[in-house]
Protein backbone atom coordinates (compact mmCIF):
# COMPACT_ATOMS: atom_id res chain seq x y z
CA MET A 1 17.47 6.68 13.54
CA LEU A 2 14.17 4.85 13.14
CA LEU A 3 14.33 1.95 10.69
CA LEU A 4 11.09 0.55 9.35
CA LEU A 5 11.74 -2.84 7.83
CA ASN A 6 8.91 -4.58 6.07
CA PRO A 7 8.86 -6.98 3.13
CA GLN A 8 5.36 -5.94 2.12
CA ILE A 9 3.62 -2.94 0.65
CA LEU A 10 1.59 -2.49 3.85
CA ILE A 11 4.15 0.01 5.06
CA ILE A 12 2.82 2.71 2.69
CA SER A 13 0.98 4.60 5.45
CA PHE A 14 4.18 4.79 7.50
CA VAL A 15 6.05 6.11 4.46
CA ASP A 16 3.42 8.76 3.81
CA ASN A 17 3.38 9.92 7.42
CA LEU A 18 7.15 9.95 8.01
CA LYS A 19 8.73 10.65 4.62
CA GLY A 20 9.75 14.20 5.55
CA HIS A 21 11.93 13.06 8.47
CA LYS A 22 15.62 12.75 7.64
CA ASN A 23 16.31 10.30 10.46
CA VAL A 24 13.81 7.69 9.18
CA LYS A 25 14.80 5.08 6.61
CA PHE A 26 12.48 2.68 4.85
CA ILE A 27 14.02 -0.61 3.82
CA LYS A 28 12.36 -3.51 2.02
CA GLY A 29 13.80 -6.73 3.42
CA ASP A 30 13.40 -9.49 5.93
CA CYS A 31 13.91 -9.44 9.68
CA LEU A 32 17.58 -10.41 9.49
CA SER A 33 18.27 -7.33 7.35
CA VAL A 34 18.37 -5.37 10.60
CA SER A 35 21.88 -6.79 11.08
CA LEU A 36 23.06 -4.44 8.30
CA PHE A 37 22.58 -1.52 10.67
CA SER A 38 23.95 -0.36 13.98
CA GLU A 39 23.10 2.49 16.30
CA LEU A 40 19.34 2.21 15.82
CA ASP A 41 17.21 4.13 18.29
CA MET A 42 14.19 1.86 18.09
CA ILE A 43 13.03 -1.34 16.43
CA PHE A 44 9.36 -2.23 16.07
CA ALA A 45 8.18 -5.80 15.53
CA ILE A 46 4.44 -5.41 15.08
CA GLY A 47 2.45 -8.61 14.68
CA VAL A 48 5.31 -10.61 13.21
CA ILE A 49 7.52 -12.26 15.84
CA HIS A 50 5.04 -15.01 16.68
CA HIS A 51 5.02 -16.12 13.02
CA ILE A 52 8.77 -16.82 13.02
CA PRO A 53 9.59 -20.48 13.78
CA ASP A 54 12.91 -19.59 15.47
CA PRO A 55 12.87 -15.92 16.56
CA LYS A 56 16.09 -16.11 18.60
CA PRO A 57 18.51 -15.15 15.74
CA ILE A 58 16.28 -12.22 14.79
CA LEU A 59 16.05 -10.98 18.37
CA GLU A 60 19.83 -11.30 18.77
CA ALA A 61 20.46 -9.38 15.52
CA SER A 62 17.97 -6.72 16.57
CA TYR A 63 19.62 -6.28 19.95
CA LYS A 64 23.05 -5.89 18.33
CA ALA A 65 21.68 -3.27 15.92
CA LEU A 66 20.52 -1.00 18.74
CA LYS A 67 22.58 1.88 20.01
CA ASN A 68 23.26 2.07 23.74
CA GLY A 69 19.89 2.84 25.32
CA GLY A 70 17.95 1.82 22.20
CA ARG A 71 14.67 -0.04 22.54
CA ILE A 72 12.83 -2.90 20.89
CA PHE A 73 9.03 -2.80 20.82
CA ILE A 74 7.45 -6.21 20.24
CA TRP A 75 3.71 -6.49 19.84
CA VAL A 76 1.72 -9.64 19.19
CA TYR A 77 -1.96 -9.99 18.56
CA ALA A 78 -4.10 -10.20 21.66
CA TYR A 79 -6.91 -12.68 22.25
CA GLU A 80 -9.35 -9.95 21.31
CA GLY A 81 -7.93 -9.79 17.78
């Protein structure tokens, strides 16, 4: 299952592109909401982790939410923008 967790409306393009897939869920919440799930295939943190004052609890919750062999993709903004 792919879980897209975003507290903002900016996720609309993801919803439009993936709404026909039964294994994709869209949840409005904060980063710790990932702890409500288990057996996730992949977690994306795109341009957010460096804004969190203490990311360790979020990373720990994310790791626990992954199924065996699941992956976390963390992307932060590069110098170029």
